[in-house]
Protein backbone atom coordinates (compact mmCIF):
# COMPACT_ATOMS: atom_id res chain seq x y z
CA MET A 1 16.95 -28.33 -3.73
CA ARG A 2 20.67 -27.85 -3.23
CA GLU A 3 22.05 -28.51 0.23
CA ASP A 4 22.99 -24.84 0.89
CA ASP A 5 19.91 -23.58 -0.92
CA THR A 6 17.08 -23.46 1.61
CA PRO A 7 13.77 -21.85 0.60
CA ASP A 8 14.73 -18.55 2.26
CA SER A 9 18.43 -18.56 1.41
CA PRO A 10 20.20 -15.69 -0.37
CA LEU A 11 21.55 -18.24 -2.85
CA LEU A 12 18.05 -19.27 -3.95
CA LEU A 13 17.08 -15.61 -4.23
CA ALA A 14 20.11 -14.93 -6.42
CA ARG A 15 19.24 -17.90 -8.63
CA LEU A 16 15.63 -16.69 -8.89
CA ARG A 17 16.75 -13.17 -9.84
CA ALA A 18 19.03 -14.67 -12.48
CA GLY A 19 15.96 -16.26 -14.04
CA GLU A 20 17.00 -19.86 -13.36
CA ALA A 21 13.95 -22.01 -14.11
CA LEU A 22 15.06 -24.79 -11.75
CA ALA A 23 15.24 -22.29 -8.88
CA PHE A 24 11.65 -21.24 -9.51
CA GLU A 25 10.55 -24.88 -9.59
CA GLU A 26 12.29 -25.41 -6.24
CA LEU A 27 10.52 -22.39 -4.78
CA VAL A 28 7.15 -23.66 -5.97
CA ARG A 29 7.83 -27.14 -4.59
CA ALA A 30 8.93 -25.70 -1.24
CA TYR A 31 5.91 -23.41 -0.80
CA GLN A 32 3.02 -24.64 -2.94
CA HIS A 33 1.34 -26.58 -0.13
CA ARG A 34 1.69 -23.73 2.36
CA VAL A 35 0.35 -21.13 -0.07
CA PHE A 36 -2.55 -23.38 -1.06
CA GLY A 37 -3.26 -24.20 2.60
CA VAL A 38 -3.47 -20.54 3.62
CA ALA A 39 -5.70 -19.77 0.63
CA LEU A 40 -7.95 -22.75 1.34
CA ARG A 41 -8.34 -21.86 5.00
CA MET A 42 -9.09 -18.25 4.14
CA LEU A 43 -11.44 -18.86 1.22
CA GLY A 44 -12.94 -22.22 2.15
CA ASN A 45 -13.02 -23.32 -1.47
CA GLY A 46 -10.47 -25.56 -3.17
CA ALA A 47 -10.94 -24.17 -6.67
CA GLU A 48 -10.51 -20.59 -5.48
CA ALA A 49 -7.50 -21.60 -3.40
CA GLU A 50 -5.87 -23.14 -6.49
CA GLU A 51 -6.50 -19.95 -8.46
CA VAL A 52 -4.98 -17.82 -5.71
CA ALA A 53 -1.96 -20.12 -5.39
CA GLN A 54 -1.34 -19.91 -9.14
CA GLU A 55 -1.68 -16.14 -9.04
CA VAL A 56 0.78 -15.92 -6.12
CA PHE A 57 3.47 -17.78 -8.04
CA LEU A 58 2.78 -15.83 -11.22
CA ARG A 59 3.24 -12.58 -9.31
CA ILE A 60 6.42 -13.87 -7.69
CA HIS A 61 7.80 -14.89 -11.08
CA ARG A 62 7.00 -11.49 -12.60
CA ALA A 63 8.28 -9.41 -9.67
CA ILE A 64 11.25 -11.37 -8.30
CA ALA A 65 13.77 -9.00 -9.86
CA GLY A 66 12.24 -6.14 -7.87
CA PHE A 67 12.18 -8.00 -4.55
CA ARG A 68 14.52 -6.01 -2.29
CA GLY A 69 15.02 -8.75 0.26
CA ASP A 70 14.08 -6.58 3.24
CA ALA A 71 12.03 -9.52 4.51
CA LYS A 72 12.40 -13.24 4.00
CA LEU A 73 11.14 -14.68 0.74
CA SER A 74 8.58 -16.73 2.67
CA THR A 75 7.25 -13.55 4.31
CA TRP A 76 6.78 -12.02 0.86
CA LEU A 77 4.94 -15.15 -0.32
CA TYR A 78 2.60 -15.05 2.69
CA ARG A 79 2.03 -11.31 2.17
CA ILE A 80 1.00 -11.82 -1.45
CA THR A 81 -1.18 -14.79 -0.52
CA SER A 82 -2.88 -12.91 2.31
CA ARG A 83 -3.56 -9.86 0.17
CA LEU A 84 -5.00 -11.88 -2.69
CA CYS A 85 -7.26 -13.79 -0.29
CA LEU A 86 -8.44 -10.66 1.51
CA ASN A 87 -9.08 -8.93 -1.82
CA ARG A 88 -11.07 -11.91 -3.05
CA LEU A 89 -13.09 -12.02 0.18
CA ALA A 90 -13.87 -8.32 -0.17
CA SER A 91 -14.92 -8.75 -3.79
CA GLY A 92 -18.65 -8.32 -4.35
CA GLU A 93 -18.53 -10.91 -7.13
CA ARG A 94 -17.39 -13.70 -4.85
CA ARG A 95 -19.92 -16.26 -3.74
CA MET A 96 -19.74 -16.44 0.03
CA THR A 97 -19.48 -20.18 0.39
CA ARG A 98 -17.32 -21.19 3.30
CA ARG A 99 -17.22 -24.95 2.82
CA GLY A 100 -13.72 -26.37 2.64
CA GLU A 101 -12.73 -29.60 1.01
CA GLU A 102 -10.34 -30.56 3.75
CA THR A 103 -10.38 -30.64 7.52
CA LEU A 104 -8.45 -28.03 9.44
CA MET A 105 -7.40 -30.39 12.19
CA ARG A 106 -6.43 -34.03 12.09
CA LEU A 107 -7.95 -35.55 15.19
CA ALA A 108 -8.64 -39.00 13.84
CA ASN A 109 -7.32 -41.85 15.90
CA GLY A 110 -7.21 -45.22 14.17
CA HIS A 111 -7.99 -47.01 17.45
CA ALA A 112 -10.87 -44.80 18.52
CA ASP A 113 -14.33 -46.26 18.82
CA ALA A 114 -17.27 -45.04 16.73
CA ALA A 115 -18.53 -42.64 19.41
CA THR A 116 -15.11 -41.02 19.79
CA ARG A 117 -14.71 -40.66 16.01
CA LEU A 118 -18.17 -39.10 15.79
CA GLU A 119 -17.33 -36.63 18.55
CA GLN A 120 -14.03 -35.77 16.88
CA GLY A 121 -15.82 -35.25 13.57
CA GLU A 122 -18.28 -32.90 15.24
CA LEU A 123 -15.42 -30.95 16.80
CA GLU A 124 -13.59 -30.71 13.47
CA ALA A 125 -16.72 -29.46 11.72
CA ALA A 126 -17.45 -26.97 14.49
CA LEU A 127 -13.88 -25.68 14.46
CA HIS A 128 -13.94 -25.35 10.67
CA ARG A 129 -17.22 -23.41 10.82
CA ALA A 130 -16.01 -21.23 13.70
CA ILE A 131 -12.82 -20.25 11.87
CA ALA A 132 -14.74 -19.62 8.64
CA GLU A 133 -17.15 -17.33 10.52
CA LEU A 134 -14.40 -15.14 11.96
CA PRO A 135 -14.05 -11.67 10.44
CA ASP A 136 -11.42 -11.75 7.68
CA GLU A 137 -8.83 -9.72 9.63
CA ARG A 138 -9.06 -12.14 12.57
CA ARG A 139 -9.22 -15.30 10.45
CA ILE A 140 -5.97 -14.48 8.64
CA VAL A 141 -4.02 -14.09 11.90
CA VAL A 142 -5.40 -17.40 13.22
CA VAL A 143 -4.46 -19.14 9.97
CA LEU A 144 -0.96 -17.65 9.88
CA ARG A 145 -0.21 -18.15 13.60
CA ASP A 146 -2.02 -21.28 14.71
CA LEU A 147 -2.15 -23.24 11.47
CA GLU A 148 0.98 -22.05 9.63
CA GLY A 149 3.12 -21.41 12.72
CA LEU A 150 4.38 -17.93 11.85
CA SER A 151 5.67 -15.75 14.68
CA TYR A 152 3.91 -12.54 15.68
CA GLU A 153 6.71 -10.56 14.04
CA GLU A 154 6.41 -12.51 10.79
CA ILE A 155 2.64 -11.98 10.73
CA ALA A 156 3.16 -8.27 11.37
CA LEU A 157 5.50 -8.14 8.36
CA VAL A 158 3.15 -10.18 6.17
CA LEU A 159 0.08 -8.09 6.98
CA GLU A 160 1.98 -4.81 7.43
CA LEU A 161 0.63 -4.35 10.94
CA GLU A 162 2.15 -3.54 14.29
CA PRO A 163 2.94 -6.65 16.38
CA GLY A 164 0.57 -5.36 19.06
CA THR A 165 -2.25 -5.26 16.51
CA VAL A 166 -1.47 -8.85 15.54
CA ARG A 167 -1.58 -9.92 19.19
CA SER A 168 -4.84 -8.07 19.75
CA ARG A 169 -6.53 -9.57 16.67
CA LEU A 170 -5.30 -13.04 17.57
CA HIS A 171 -6.56 -12.67 21.14
CA ARG A 172 -9.98 -11.53 19.92
CA ALA A 173 -10.11 -14.34 17.37
CA ARG A 174 -9.27 -16.92 20.01
CA MET A 175 -11.92 -15.51 22.33
CA ASP A 176 -14.47 -15.72 19.49
CA LEU A 177 -13.44 -19.32 18.83
CA LYS A 178 -13.66 -20.17 22.52
CA ASP A 179 -17.20 -18.77 22.67
CA LYS A 180 -18.26 -20.67 19.56
CA LEU A 181 -16.69 -23.95 20.71
CA GLU A 182 -17.63 -23.71 24.38
CA ARG A 183 -19.78 -26.86 24.31
CA PHE A 184 -16.72 -28.89 23.26
CA LEU A 185 -14.47 -27.55 26.01
CA PRO A 186 -14.08 -29.34 29.35
């Protein structure tokens, strides 16, 4: 990526609108892991997450000329990803498996003893299950805020919600997680 061409820069957007193939490759490289990560955490299935990620970038490629730039490019990417995931979760055809192929948190410590590693593994599994069991509208705010690091305002833009609604859903989600993980808390 060019030095003055960050993933959300107006220059990259101009290059994308001009149909520059290298610009699209740079966009994919900059965001592919984030898009896949959100999809995986929402869907809990690697194959479905790959499909969603591919669809996100196909939609971006097809619609970039119509992107007005009212929000950041990354916000638009997260919006498309979130919508596709929520639509897939609502689909009656979807198998409701919630097993993920990767761990949501990296707690492993190379110097930890076997008992500590076992306890950490149990916590990771419990956290993964607890997040997967959240209602979709709460899970997406947890994924975007706590795992992807988006601000409340960015999440509100992505999900087209009021910031207060985002805060409320996040608070409820965290309370649900606290209840489900209570045995692991000091």
